[in-house]
Protein backbone atom coordinates (compact mmCIF):
# COMPACT_ATOMS: atom_id res chain seq x y z
CA MET A 1 0.26 -0.14 0.05
CA VAL A 2 1.03 3.12 -0.82
CA ASP A 3 2.11 5.63 1.89
CA THR A 4 -0.13 9.33 1.53
CA LYS A 5 1.67 11.11 3.72
CA GLN A 6 4.38 11.32 1.05
CA TYR A 7 2.78 13.47 -1.97
CA VAL A 8 0.68 15.80 0.55
CA LYS A 9 5.14 15.90 2.03
CA ALA A 10 6.23 16.57 -1.58
CA ALA A 11 3.18 18.98 -3.16
CA GLU A 12 4.12 21.05 0.58
CA GLU A 13 7.79 21.21 -0.53
CA LYS A 14 6.73 22.49 -3.68
CA MET A 15 5.11 24.91 -2.46
CA ASN A 16 7.89 26.21 0.27
CA GLY A 17 10.37 26.87 -3.01
CA ALA A 18 7.47 28.76 -4.80
CA ILE A 19 7.56 31.26 -1.69
CA GLY A 20 11.20 31.27 -0.98
CA PHE A 21 11.20 32.03 -5.25
CA LEU A 22 8.53 34.18 -5.06
CA ASP A 23 10.56 36.27 -2.30
CA GLU A 24 14.05 36.13 -3.81
CA GLN A 25 12.04 37.93 -6.77
CA LEU A 26 10.22 40.66 -4.26
CA ALA A 27 14.19 41.38 -3.42
CA HIS A 28 14.96 42.94 -5.88
CA ILE A 29 11.99 44.88 -6.66
CA ARG A 30 13.22 48.44 -5.71
CA ALA A 31 11.07 50.22 -4.27
CA GLY A 32 12.23 53.02 -3.64
CA LYS A 33 15.06 52.22 -0.11
CA ALA A 34 18.65 51.35 -1.24
CA ASN A 35 18.75 47.86 -0.74
CA ALA A 36 22.21 46.11 -2.02
CA LYS A 37 19.82 43.01 -3.41
CA ILE A 38 19.13 44.94 -6.28
CA LEU A 39 22.54 44.39 -7.31
CA ASP A 40 22.24 40.65 -7.66
CA GLY A 41 21.87 40.04 -10.89
CA VAL A 42 24.83 42.28 -11.81
CA LYS A 43 27.51 40.71 -13.22
CA VAL A 44 31.52 41.84 -13.41
CA PRO A 45 34.39 40.77 -16.41
CA TYR A 46 36.98 39.38 -13.79
CA TYR A 47 40.20 37.26 -15.49
CA GLY A 48 37.68 36.91 -18.19
CA SER A 49 34.77 35.16 -16.64
CA LEU A 50 31.75 36.78 -14.73
CA VAL A 51 31.12 36.99 -11.48
CA PRO A 52 28.27 38.33 -8.92
CA LEU A 53 29.19 42.34 -8.00
CA THR A 54 29.86 40.44 -4.50
CA ASN A 55 32.53 38.28 -5.51
CA VAL A 56 34.57 40.99 -6.12
CA ALA A 57 33.19 44.11 -4.26
CA THR A 58 31.27 44.52 -0.63
CA VAL A 59 28.06 46.45 -1.02
CA THR A 60 26.76 48.21 2.19
CA THR A 61 23.28 50.99 2.35
CA PRO A 62 24.84 53.00 4.70
CA ASP A 63 21.58 55.36 4.48
CA ALA A 64 17.68 54.38 2.71
CA LYS A 65 18.79 56.67 -0.10
CA THR A 66 22.79 55.55 -1.23
CA ILE A 67 24.38 51.89 -1.75
CA ILE A 68 28.42 52.46 -1.63
CA ILE A 69 30.27 49.28 -3.37
CA THR A 70 33.45 49.03 -2.33
CA PRO A 71 36.01 47.24 -4.96
CA TRP A 72 38.59 45.19 -3.61
CA GLU A 73 40.64 46.07 -6.34
CA LYS A 74 40.93 49.12 -7.62
CA PRO A 75 41.16 48.29 -11.18
CA LEU A 76 37.58 47.13 -10.76
CA ILE A 77 35.97 50.07 -10.45
CA LYS A 78 35.43 51.10 -14.12
CA GLU A 79 34.33 47.09 -15.06
CA ILE A 80 31.71 47.45 -11.92
CA GLU A 81 30.64 51.02 -13.81
CA LYS A 82 30.09 49.10 -16.64
CA ALA A 83 27.85 46.36 -15.20
CA ILE A 84 25.91 48.57 -13.53
CA MET A 85 25.36 51.02 -16.41
CA ASN A 86 24.32 47.75 -18.65
CA SER A 87 22.39 46.13 -16.37
CA ASP A 88 18.11 47.09 -15.45
CA VAL A 89 19.18 48.06 -12.00
CA GLY A 90 18.04 51.88 -13.55
CA ILE A 91 20.87 54.22 -11.89
CA THR A 92 23.87 55.97 -12.51
CA PRO A 93 27.00 55.27 -10.84
CA GLU A 94 29.29 57.39 -9.46
CA ASN A 95 32.67 57.50 -8.71
CA ASN A 96 35.49 58.95 -7.19
CA GLY A 97 38.10 56.60 -7.80
CA GLU A 98 37.91 54.95 -4.66
CA ILE A 99 34.68 53.84 -4.49
CA ILE A 100 31.43 53.28 -6.09
CA ARG A 101 27.87 55.08 -5.16
CA LEU A 102 24.70 54.73 -5.86
CA GLY A 103 21.85 56.73 -5.17
CA ILE A 104 17.91 55.54 -5.31
CA PRO A 105 16.22 58.59 -6.89
CA PRO A 106 12.89 57.92 -5.97
CA LEU A 107 9.93 56.75 -7.29
CA THR A 108 7.19 58.41 -10.17
CA GLU A 109 3.87 57.42 -9.38
CA GLU A 110 4.18 55.02 -12.78
CA ARG A 111 6.73 53.73 -12.05
CA ARG A 112 5.36 52.30 -8.77
CA ARG A 113 2.37 51.49 -10.50
CA SER A 114 4.68 49.59 -12.90
CA LEU A 115 6.97 47.52 -9.67
CA ALA A 116 3.10 46.93 -8.26
CA LYS A 117 2.20 45.25 -11.51
CA GLN A 118 5.91 43.17 -11.81
CA SER A 119 4.96 42.21 -8.06
CA LYS A 120 1.96 41.67 -8.64
CA GLN A 121 2.89 39.41 -11.52
CA GLU A 122 5.24 37.91 -9.64
CA ALA A 123 3.14 36.86 -6.43
CA GLU A 124 0.95 35.70 -9.62
CA ASN A 125 2.86 33.23 -11.20
CA ALA A 126 3.87 32.00 -7.29
CA LYS A 127 -0.09 30.90 -7.05
CA ILE A 128 -0.33 28.98 -10.56
CA SER A 129 3.09 27.10 -9.37
CA ILE A 130 1.89 26.18 -5.82
CA ARG A 131 -1.77 24.70 -8.05
CA ASN A 132 -0.03 23.24 -10.55
CA ALA A 133 2.59 21.39 -6.78
CA ARG A 134 -1.50 20.38 -5.55
CA ARG A 135 -2.59 19.00 -8.61
CA ASP A 136 0.23 16.77 -9.34
CA ALA A 137 -0.61 15.90 -5.73
CA ILE A 138 -4.45 14.75 -6.26
CA ASP A 139 -3.01 13.76 -9.62
CA GLN A 140 -1.19 10.80 -7.72
CA LEU A 141 -3.15 10.49 -4.50
CA LYS A 142 -6.38 9.26 -6.73
CA LYS A 143 -3.17 7.03 -9.09
CA SER A 144 -2.85 5.52 -5.19
CA ILE A 145 -6.35 4.85 -5.08
CA LYS A 146 -5.49 1.70 -8.42
CA ASP A 147 -2.99 0.51 -5.67
CA GLY A 148 -5.32 0.10 -3.10
CA VAL A 149 -5.15 3.03 -1.07
CA PRO A 150 -8.73 3.06 0.46
CA GLU A 151 -11.12 6.19 -1.07
CA ASP A 152 -11.24 7.72 2.16
CA VAL A 153 -8.03 8.29 2.69
CA GLU A 154 -7.59 9.32 0.31
CA LYS A 155 -10.10 12.09 -0.09
CA ASP A 156 -8.63 13.16 3.26
CA ALA A 157 -5.85 13.43 2.44
CA GLU A 158 -7.07 16.03 -1.63
CA ALA A 159 -8.54 18.14 1.67
CA GLU A 160 -5.11 18.09 3.62
CA VAL A 161 -3.40 18.71 0.50
CA GLN A 162 -6.57 21.44 0.01
CA LYS A 163 -5.63 22.97 2.93
CA ILE A 164 -2.15 23.45 2.65
CA HIS A 165 -2.94 24.36 -0.19
CA ASP A 166 -4.77 27.31 1.06
CA LYS A 167 -2.76 28.17 3.62
CA PHE A 168 0.43 29.01 1.46
CA ILE A 169 -2.38 31.14 -1.24
CA LYS A 170 -3.00 33.42 1.82
CA LYS A 171 1.50 34.02 2.52
CA ILE A 172 1.47 34.95 -0.90
CA ASP A 173 -1.10 37.37 -0.87
CA GLU A 174 0.27 38.71 2.35
CA LEU A 175 3.47 38.77 0.37
CA TYR A 176 2.37 40.87 -2.29
CA ALA A 177 0.78 43.44 -0.08
CA ALA A 178 3.37 43.96 2.06
CA LYS A 179 5.53 44.54 -1.54
CA GLU A 180 2.34 46.86 -2.73
CA LYS A 181 2.37 48.91 0.93
CA GLU A 182 5.90 49.04 0.17
CA ILE A 183 6.21 50.42 -2.57
CA MET A 184 3.39 52.41 -2.85
CA THR A 185 4.72 54.33 0.82
CA VAL A 186 6.03 57.63 -0.53
């Protein structure tokens, strides 16, 4: 006989992964405040290969409107500057020969709306992942009846998967609401 708990657990793990991914994606959306995570996608050429910015420099946020990048090797300043300019960060770097400073400009109303829309899309993608995990688990549970699982046990497991699904959907809504509030706060 097949254990239905394994299907429920697998679905919950997939849903947890979707939440983790959403959290990461929302962290990359800048909300008018300095956040070192917005530079995570920036790659810098270093000895013939592209490496993440954090592998060649220290990134700090001394205040809510500034990000400071301190390269570990002085000649890298130009390369880091070029990489930031070519990325989709949308901020022009300033350097004084020692460090690179990024001033975070206040967001326009139109930009805020577009970032909120982007956040909503990320949340919707996470919901789709969670629904897919639920569907896969329920399909496996229905097939398990053929392997000798009693119908009432299968129905109970299905109800548990639905309950877990509802919990994760609620969590996504909370994450999105928090990010939207952060973006729309002037």
